[in-house]
N, C-alpha and C. Protein backbone atom coordinates (compact mmCIF):
# COMPACT_ATOMS: atom_id res chain seq x y z
N MET A 1 279.46 33.22 81.53
CA MET A 1 279.42 34.33 80.61
C MET A 1 278.67 35.50 81.23
N SER A 2 279.04 36.68 80.80
CA SER A 2 278.43 37.84 81.41
C SER A 2 277.30 38.44 80.60
N PHE A 3 277.02 37.90 79.40
CA PHE A 3 275.94 38.50 78.63
C PHE A 3 274.59 38.25 79.27
N ARG A 4 273.67 39.14 78.99
CA ARG A 4 272.35 39.14 79.63
C ARG A 4 271.60 37.84 79.39
N LEU A 5 271.16 37.23 80.48
CA LEU A 5 270.46 35.96 80.38
C LEU A 5 269.07 35.99 81.00
N ALA A 6 268.56 37.16 81.29
CA ALA A 6 267.24 37.23 81.93
C ALA A 6 266.18 36.51 81.12
N ALA A 7 266.05 36.87 79.86
CA ALA A 7 265.05 36.21 79.00
C ALA A 7 265.43 34.76 78.73
N LEU A 8 266.74 34.52 78.64
CA LEU A 8 267.18 33.16 78.34
C LEU A 8 266.94 32.21 79.50
N SER A 9 267.02 32.69 80.73
CA SER A 9 266.80 31.79 81.85
C SER A 9 265.38 31.25 81.84
N LEU A 10 264.42 32.07 81.41
CA LEU A 10 263.05 31.60 81.27
C LEU A 10 262.96 30.52 80.20
N ALA A 11 263.65 30.74 79.09
CA ALA A 11 263.64 29.76 78.01
C ALA A 11 264.26 28.44 78.46
N LEU A 12 265.35 28.53 79.20
CA LEU A 12 265.99 27.31 79.68
C LEU A 12 265.10 26.57 80.66
N ALA A 13 264.38 27.31 81.48
CA ALA A 13 263.46 26.68 82.43
C ALA A 13 262.35 25.95 81.69
N VAL A 14 261.82 26.58 80.64
CA VAL A 14 260.77 25.94 79.84
C VAL A 14 261.33 24.71 79.14
N ALA A 15 262.52 24.84 78.57
CA ALA A 15 263.12 23.73 77.84
C ALA A 15 263.45 22.57 78.78
N ALA A 16 263.80 22.87 80.02
CA ALA A 16 264.16 21.83 80.98
C ALA A 16 262.96 21.00 81.39
N VAL A 17 261.76 21.53 81.25
CA VAL A 17 260.55 20.80 81.62
C VAL A 17 260.34 19.61 80.69
N ALA A 18 260.57 19.82 79.41
CA ALA A 18 260.41 18.74 78.44
C ALA A 18 261.69 17.92 78.37
N VAL A 19 261.59 16.62 78.39
CA VAL A 19 262.76 15.76 78.28
C VAL A 19 263.07 15.58 76.80
N PRO A 20 264.26 16.03 76.36
CA PRO A 20 264.56 15.93 74.95
C PRO A 20 264.81 14.49 74.52
N THR A 21 264.47 14.20 73.28
CA THR A 21 264.75 12.89 72.72
C THR A 21 266.23 12.82 72.38
N HIS A 22 266.71 11.65 72.02
CA HIS A 22 268.11 11.49 71.63
C HIS A 22 268.45 12.39 70.45
N ALA A 23 267.58 12.47 69.48
CA ALA A 23 267.83 13.32 68.30
C ALA A 23 267.91 14.78 68.72
N GLN A 24 267.07 15.19 69.65
CA GLN A 24 267.10 16.57 70.11
C GLN A 24 268.39 16.86 70.85
N ALA A 25 268.83 15.95 71.69
CA ALA A 25 270.06 16.16 72.44
C ALA A 25 271.26 16.23 71.50
N ALA A 26 271.28 15.40 70.46
CA ALA A 26 272.38 15.43 69.50
C ALA A 26 272.39 16.73 68.73
N GLU A 27 271.24 17.32 68.55
CA GLU A 27 271.11 18.53 67.77
C GLU A 27 271.38 19.79 68.60
N SER A 28 271.40 19.69 69.91
CA SER A 28 271.39 20.88 70.75
C SER A 28 272.59 21.79 70.57
N ASP A 29 273.74 21.30 70.13
CA ASP A 29 274.89 22.18 69.98
C ASP A 29 274.98 22.80 68.58
N CYS A 30 274.08 22.43 67.70
CA CYS A 30 274.06 23.07 66.39
C CYS A 30 273.20 24.33 66.48
N ARG A 31 273.24 25.15 65.45
CA ARG A 31 272.51 26.42 65.48
C ARG A 31 271.54 26.55 64.34
N PHE A 32 270.58 27.46 64.56
CA PHE A 32 269.60 27.83 63.55
C PHE A 32 269.81 29.31 63.20
N THR A 33 269.42 29.69 62.01
CA THR A 33 269.55 31.06 61.54
C THR A 33 268.45 31.95 62.11
N GLN A 34 268.60 33.25 61.92
CA GLN A 34 267.57 34.18 62.39
C GLN A 34 266.23 33.93 61.69
N GLY A 35 266.26 33.54 60.43
CA GLY A 35 265.02 33.24 59.71
C GLY A 35 264.28 32.06 60.31
N TYR A 36 265.03 31.06 60.75
CA TYR A 36 264.43 29.92 61.41
C TYR A 36 263.69 30.37 62.66
N TRP A 37 264.36 31.17 63.49
CA TRP A 37 263.72 31.61 64.73
C TRP A 37 262.54 32.52 64.45
N GLN A 38 262.63 33.34 63.43
CA GLN A 38 261.52 34.24 63.07
C GLN A 38 260.28 33.44 62.69
N ASN A 39 260.46 32.29 62.11
CA ASN A 39 259.34 31.47 61.64
C ASN A 39 258.90 30.40 62.63
N ARG A 40 259.40 30.41 63.84
CA ARG A 40 259.06 29.40 64.84
C ARG A 40 257.56 29.30 65.10
N ALA A 41 256.86 30.39 65.11
CA ALA A 41 255.42 30.34 65.41
C ALA A 41 254.66 29.54 64.36
N GLN A 42 255.14 29.55 63.14
CA GLN A 42 254.45 28.83 62.08
C GLN A 42 254.84 27.35 62.03
N ASN A 43 255.91 26.99 62.69
CA ASN A 43 256.42 25.62 62.62
C ASN A 43 256.38 24.93 63.98
N ALA A 44 255.23 24.95 64.60
CA ALA A 44 255.10 24.37 65.94
C ALA A 44 255.29 22.87 65.90
N GLY A 45 255.64 22.32 67.04
CA GLY A 45 255.68 20.87 67.15
C GLY A 45 257.05 20.29 67.41
N ASP A 46 258.12 21.08 67.47
CA ASP A 46 259.40 20.51 67.84
C ASP A 46 259.93 21.21 69.09
N PHE A 47 261.06 20.74 69.58
CA PHE A 47 261.56 21.24 70.86
C PHE A 47 261.98 22.70 70.82
N THR A 48 262.31 23.26 69.67
CA THR A 48 262.72 24.67 69.61
C THR A 48 261.52 25.60 69.74
N THR A 49 260.33 25.12 69.48
CA THR A 49 259.15 25.97 69.58
C THR A 49 258.96 26.48 71.00
N ASP A 50 259.11 25.63 71.99
CA ASP A 50 258.97 26.06 73.38
C ASP A 50 259.98 27.14 73.74
N ILE A 51 261.20 26.97 73.26
CA ILE A 51 262.24 27.97 73.52
C ILE A 51 261.84 29.30 72.90
N TRP A 52 261.45 29.29 71.64
CA TRP A 52 261.08 30.53 70.97
C TRP A 52 259.85 31.18 71.60
N LEU A 53 258.87 30.39 71.94
CA LEU A 53 257.66 30.94 72.56
C LEU A 53 257.97 31.63 73.89
N SER A 54 258.98 31.13 74.60
CA SER A 54 259.35 31.76 75.87
C SER A 54 260.17 33.04 75.66
N LEU A 55 260.79 33.19 74.51
CA LEU A 55 261.62 34.36 74.23
C LEU A 55 260.89 35.46 73.46
N ARG A 56 260.08 35.07 72.52
CA ARG A 56 259.58 36.04 71.53
C ARG A 56 258.82 37.23 72.11
N ASP A 57 258.18 37.09 73.24
CA ASP A 57 257.41 38.19 73.82
C ASP A 57 258.16 38.92 74.93
N GLN A 58 259.42 38.55 75.16
CA GLN A 58 260.24 39.23 76.16
C GLN A 58 260.76 40.54 75.58
N ALA A 59 260.91 41.55 76.42
CA ALA A 59 261.45 42.84 75.97
C ALA A 59 262.89 42.65 75.51
N PHE A 60 263.21 43.26 74.39
CA PHE A 60 264.58 43.21 73.86
C PHE A 60 265.30 44.50 74.24
N TYR A 61 266.08 44.42 75.29
CA TYR A 61 266.85 45.55 75.80
C TYR A 61 265.96 46.79 75.88
N SER A 62 266.47 47.96 75.49
CA SER A 62 265.67 49.19 75.57
C SER A 62 265.15 49.60 74.19
N SER A 63 264.93 48.62 73.34
CA SER A 63 264.47 48.90 71.98
C SER A 63 263.00 49.28 71.93
N GLY A 64 262.24 48.92 72.96
CA GLY A 64 260.80 49.15 72.94
C GLY A 64 260.06 48.04 72.21
N LEU A 65 260.79 47.02 71.78
CA LEU A 65 260.21 45.90 71.05
C LEU A 65 260.49 44.59 71.78
N THR A 66 259.81 43.55 71.35
CA THR A 66 260.06 42.21 71.88
C THR A 66 261.07 41.51 70.97
N TYR A 67 261.56 40.37 71.43
CA TYR A 67 262.46 39.57 70.61
C TYR A 67 261.82 39.25 69.26
N GLY A 68 260.57 38.85 69.27
CA GLY A 68 259.88 38.52 68.03
C GLY A 68 259.74 39.72 67.11
N GLN A 69 259.42 40.88 67.66
CA GLN A 69 259.27 42.08 66.85
C GLN A 69 260.58 42.55 66.25
N VAL A 70 261.68 42.34 66.97
CA VAL A 70 262.99 42.76 66.47
C VAL A 70 263.27 42.12 65.11
N LEU A 71 262.92 40.85 64.97
CA LEU A 71 263.21 40.16 63.70
C LEU A 71 262.35 40.65 62.54
N LEU A 72 261.33 41.44 62.84
CA LEU A 72 260.47 41.99 61.79
C LEU A 72 260.91 43.39 61.36
N VAL A 73 261.87 43.97 62.07
CA VAL A 73 262.35 45.32 61.76
C VAL A 73 263.35 45.24 60.61
N SER A 74 263.16 46.06 59.60
CA SER A 74 264.13 46.17 58.52
C SER A 74 265.28 47.04 59.01
N PRO A 75 266.51 46.53 59.04
CA PRO A 75 267.62 47.29 59.60
C PRO A 75 267.90 48.63 58.90
N ARG A 76 267.69 48.70 57.60
CA ARG A 76 267.90 49.94 56.83
C ARG A 76 269.21 50.63 57.18
N GLY A 77 270.27 49.86 57.36
CA GLY A 77 271.58 50.42 57.64
C GLY A 77 271.84 50.75 59.10
N ASN A 78 270.84 50.61 59.97
CA ASN A 78 271.04 50.90 61.39
C ASN A 78 271.78 49.71 62.02
N ALA A 79 273.00 49.96 62.48
CA ALA A 79 273.84 48.90 63.04
C ALA A 79 273.21 48.25 64.27
N TYR A 80 272.38 48.99 65.00
CA TYR A 80 271.69 48.41 66.15
C TYR A 80 270.83 47.23 65.69
N TRP A 81 270.02 47.44 64.65
CA TRP A 81 269.11 46.39 64.18
C TRP A 81 269.87 45.27 63.49
N ILE A 82 270.96 45.62 62.81
CA ILE A 82 271.77 44.59 62.16
C ILE A 82 272.30 43.63 63.23
N LEU A 83 272.84 44.20 64.31
CA LEU A 83 273.33 43.36 65.41
C LEU A 83 272.17 42.68 66.13
N ALA A 84 271.09 43.39 66.36
CA ALA A 84 269.95 42.83 67.09
C ALA A 84 269.43 41.56 66.43
N HIS A 85 269.32 41.54 65.11
CA HIS A 85 268.84 40.35 64.41
C HIS A 85 269.71 39.14 64.73
N GLN A 86 271.03 39.33 64.67
CA GLN A 86 271.93 38.21 64.93
C GLN A 86 271.96 37.84 66.41
N LEU A 87 271.82 38.84 67.28
CA LEU A 87 271.83 38.56 68.72
C LEU A 87 270.58 37.80 69.15
N VAL A 88 269.44 38.12 68.58
CA VAL A 88 268.22 37.37 68.89
C VAL A 88 268.43 35.89 68.55
N ALA A 89 268.93 35.63 67.34
CA ALA A 89 269.16 34.24 66.93
C ALA A 89 270.22 33.58 67.81
N ALA A 90 271.30 34.29 68.12
CA ALA A 90 272.36 33.71 68.95
C ALA A 90 271.86 33.39 70.35
N GLN A 91 271.07 34.28 70.93
CA GLN A 91 270.54 34.01 72.27
C GLN A 91 269.54 32.87 72.25
N ALA A 92 268.76 32.77 71.19
CA ALA A 92 267.83 31.63 71.07
C ALA A 92 268.62 30.33 70.90
N ASN A 93 269.67 30.37 70.11
CA ASN A 93 270.51 29.19 69.93
C ASN A 93 271.17 28.79 71.24
N TYR A 94 271.62 29.77 72.01
CA TYR A 94 272.20 29.49 73.32
C TYR A 94 271.17 28.84 74.24
N ALA A 95 269.97 29.38 74.24
CA ALA A 95 268.89 28.80 75.06
C ALA A 95 268.56 27.39 74.59
N ASN A 96 268.81 27.11 73.32
CA ASN A 96 268.56 25.80 72.73
C ASN A 96 269.68 24.81 73.05
N GLY A 97 270.77 25.29 73.66
CA GLY A 97 271.85 24.40 74.06
C GLY A 97 273.14 24.55 73.30
N ALA A 98 273.21 25.45 72.33
CA ALA A 98 274.45 25.66 71.59
C ALA A 98 275.45 26.36 72.51
N ASP A 99 276.70 25.94 72.43
CA ASP A 99 277.73 26.44 73.34
C ASP A 99 278.66 27.40 72.61
N PRO A 100 278.50 28.70 72.86
CA PRO A 100 279.40 29.66 72.23
C PRO A 100 280.76 29.66 72.92
N THR A 101 281.83 29.64 72.16
CA THR A 101 283.17 29.69 72.72
C THR A 101 283.99 30.71 71.96
N GLY A 102 285.12 31.07 72.50
CA GLY A 102 286.07 31.95 71.83
C GLY A 102 285.47 33.27 71.38
N ASP A 103 285.65 33.55 70.08
CA ASP A 103 285.18 34.81 69.51
C ASP A 103 283.68 34.98 69.64
N THR A 104 282.93 33.88 69.56
CA THR A 104 281.47 33.96 69.66
C THR A 104 281.05 34.36 71.07
N ALA A 105 281.65 33.77 72.08
CA ALA A 105 281.33 34.13 73.46
C ALA A 105 281.68 35.59 73.72
N ALA A 106 282.82 36.03 73.21
CA ALA A 106 283.22 37.43 73.38
C ALA A 106 282.25 38.36 72.65
N ALA A 107 281.81 37.96 71.47
CA ALA A 107 280.85 38.78 70.70
C ALA A 107 279.51 38.86 71.43
N LEU A 108 279.05 37.77 72.00
CA LEU A 108 277.80 37.79 72.77
C LEU A 108 277.91 38.73 73.97
N THR A 109 279.02 38.66 74.66
CA THR A 109 279.23 39.51 75.83
C THR A 109 279.27 40.98 75.44
N ARG A 110 280.03 41.29 74.40
CA ARG A 110 280.16 42.69 73.98
C ARG A 110 278.85 43.21 73.40
N ALA A 111 278.14 42.41 72.62
CA ALA A 111 276.85 42.82 72.07
C ALA A 111 275.88 43.14 73.21
N ASP A 112 275.88 42.32 74.23
CA ASP A 112 275.02 42.56 75.39
C ASP A 112 275.38 43.89 76.05
N GLU A 113 276.66 44.15 76.23
CA GLU A 113 277.09 45.41 76.85
C GLU A 113 276.63 46.62 76.04
N ILE A 114 276.82 46.55 74.75
CA ILE A 114 276.47 47.69 73.90
C ILE A 114 274.97 47.90 73.84
N LEU A 115 274.20 46.84 73.59
CA LEU A 115 272.76 47.01 73.47
C LEU A 115 272.10 47.33 74.81
N SER A 116 272.79 47.03 75.90
CA SER A 116 272.30 47.44 77.22
C SER A 116 272.51 48.94 77.45
N ALA A 117 273.47 49.51 76.74
CA ALA A 117 273.85 50.91 76.96
C ALA A 117 273.26 51.90 75.95
N TYR A 118 272.83 51.40 74.79
CA TYR A 118 272.37 52.30 73.72
C TYR A 118 270.99 51.91 73.21
N THR A 119 270.27 52.89 72.70
CA THR A 119 268.98 52.66 72.05
C THR A 119 269.19 52.59 70.54
N PRO A 120 268.22 52.09 69.82
CA PRO A 120 268.33 52.08 68.35
C PRO A 120 268.53 53.50 67.79
N GLN A 121 267.88 54.47 68.39
CA GLN A 121 267.98 55.84 67.90
C GLN A 121 269.39 56.40 68.10
N GLN A 122 270.01 56.08 69.22
CA GLN A 122 271.38 56.55 69.46
C GLN A 122 272.35 55.97 68.45
N ILE A 123 272.20 54.70 68.14
CA ILE A 123 273.09 54.07 67.17
C ILE A 123 272.80 54.59 65.76
N ALA A 124 271.54 54.83 65.44
CA ALA A 124 271.18 55.36 64.12
C ALA A 124 271.79 56.74 63.89
N ALA A 125 271.99 57.50 64.95
CA ALA A 125 272.54 58.86 64.83
C ALA A 125 274.05 58.87 64.59
N LEU A 126 274.70 57.73 64.74
CA LEU A 126 276.15 57.68 64.55
C LEU A 126 276.51 57.76 63.07
N PRO A 127 277.58 58.45 62.73
CA PRO A 127 278.05 58.44 61.34
C PRO A 127 278.51 57.04 60.95
N LYS A 128 278.45 56.71 59.69
CA LYS A 128 278.84 55.37 59.22
C LYS A 128 280.28 55.02 59.58
N THR A 129 281.12 56.03 59.74
CA THR A 129 282.52 55.79 60.05
C THR A 129 282.81 55.72 61.55
N ASP A 130 281.80 55.89 62.39
CA ASP A 130 282.00 55.88 63.84
C ASP A 130 282.52 54.50 64.28
N PRO A 131 283.55 54.48 65.13
CA PRO A 131 284.11 53.19 65.58
C PRO A 131 283.09 52.29 66.29
N LEU A 132 282.17 52.87 67.05
CA LEU A 132 281.16 52.05 67.73
C LEU A 132 280.25 51.39 66.70
N ARG A 133 279.82 52.13 65.69
CA ARG A 133 278.98 51.55 64.64
C ARG A 133 279.72 50.41 63.94
N GLN A 134 280.99 50.63 63.65
CA GLN A 134 281.79 49.60 62.99
C GLN A 134 281.93 48.36 63.88
N GLU A 135 282.04 48.57 65.18
CA GLU A 135 282.12 47.45 66.11
C GLU A 135 280.83 46.64 66.09
N LEU A 136 279.68 47.30 66.07
CA LEU A 136 278.40 46.60 66.01
C LEU A 136 278.30 45.73 64.76
N ILE A 137 278.76 46.26 63.63
CA ILE A 137 278.73 45.50 62.38
C ILE A 137 279.65 44.28 62.49
N GLN A 138 280.82 44.47 63.07
CA GLN A 138 281.76 43.36 63.25
C GLN A 138 281.17 42.28 64.16
N LEU A 139 280.56 42.70 65.26
CA LEU A 139 279.91 41.75 66.17
C LEU A 139 278.79 40.99 65.46
N ALA A 140 277.99 41.71 64.68
CA ALA A 140 276.91 41.07 63.92
C ALA A 140 277.47 40.04 62.96
N ASN A 141 278.59 40.34 62.31
CA ASN A 141 279.20 39.39 61.38
C ASN A 141 279.67 38.13 62.09
N THR A 142 280.26 38.30 63.27
CA THR A 142 280.71 37.13 64.05
C THR A 142 279.51 36.27 64.45
N LEU A 143 278.47 36.91 64.97
CA LEU A 143 277.29 36.15 65.38
C LEU A 143 276.58 35.52 64.19
N ASP A 144 276.57 36.22 63.06
CA ASP A 144 275.98 35.66 61.84
C ASP A 144 276.73 34.40 61.42
N ASP A 145 278.06 34.45 61.47
CA ASP A 145 278.84 33.26 61.14
C ASP A 145 278.52 32.11 62.08
N TRP A 146 278.36 32.40 63.38
CA TRP A 146 278.04 31.35 64.34
C TRP A 146 276.63 30.82 64.11
N ASN A 147 275.67 31.73 63.92
CA ASN A 147 274.28 31.31 63.68
C ASN A 147 274.14 30.48 62.41
N ASN A 148 274.98 30.74 61.44
CA ASN A 148 274.93 30.03 60.16
C ASN A 148 275.86 28.82 60.11
N GLY A 149 276.44 28.46 61.24
CA GLY A 149 277.26 27.26 61.31
C GLY A 149 278.63 27.37 60.70
N LEU A 150 279.09 28.58 60.39
CA LEU A 150 280.43 28.75 59.83
C LEU A 150 281.50 28.72 60.90
N ILE A 151 281.09 28.96 62.15
CA ILE A 151 281.96 28.85 63.32
C ILE A 151 281.32 27.79 64.21
N GLY A 152 282.10 26.85 64.71
CA GLY A 152 281.58 25.86 65.65
C GLY A 152 281.07 24.62 64.97
N THR A 153 280.05 24.03 65.57
CA THR A 153 279.61 22.69 65.18
C THR A 153 278.73 22.63 63.94
N GLY A 154 278.19 23.71 63.48
CA GLY A 154 277.38 23.70 62.27
C GLY A 154 275.92 23.97 62.52
N LEU A 155 275.18 23.97 61.42
CA LEU A 155 273.74 24.25 61.46
C LEU A 155 272.94 23.02 61.80
N CYS A 156 271.79 23.24 62.42
CA CYS A 156 270.79 22.19 62.55
C CYS A 156 269.97 22.27 61.26
N SER A 157 269.49 21.17 60.79
CA SER A 157 268.64 21.23 59.60
C SER A 157 267.23 21.57 60.03
N GLY A 158 266.46 22.15 59.14
CA GLY A 158 265.07 22.49 59.45
C GLY A 158 264.22 21.28 59.76
N GLY A 159 264.65 20.12 59.30
CA GLY A 159 263.90 18.91 59.53
C GLY A 159 264.20 18.23 60.84
N GLY A 160 265.06 18.84 61.67
CA GLY A 160 265.33 18.28 62.98
C GLY A 160 266.57 17.41 63.06
N SER A 161 267.41 17.42 62.03
CA SER A 161 268.63 16.66 62.12
C SER A 161 269.84 17.56 61.93
N PHE A 162 270.97 17.14 62.43
CA PHE A 162 272.19 17.92 62.37
C PHE A 162 272.74 17.94 60.96
N ALA A 163 273.14 19.13 60.51
CA ALA A 163 273.71 19.27 59.17
C ALA A 163 275.04 20.03 59.27
N PRO A 164 276.18 19.32 59.42
CA PRO A 164 277.49 19.99 59.59
C PRO A 164 277.90 20.77 58.36
């Protein structure tokens, strides 16, 4: 895949250090929502915590914020932040072992291209009818469906077990 993996490679390196249990390996292709990743710091003690800790302080594109800070931004209609929330969760899920395919892989690639090229301020300045803004919303919807288990293998449960 061509989407940006700089921050994710660090997460994968951290995750590779710990040997996952059978339950963790079975869970690795399921996904967690953006809220789950936002709350990782408060829920220490499972294998996703190491992944989140390696991502949360990394710079998120040219937003001026970290991955962790992005999830605290209220989108207020800005398509950049709407997409950013879902992309943070999708990239964390990818680092956790979830395998994006088809439309999800294409959405990750395109989201990476767009967020690499634009700042939040540039996207905020677009009219609501602008095709680029509409594309960001569409990409966010695809990633939201994947993060919420509506596309692919399903959600992981908060308790550490797979919930299809």
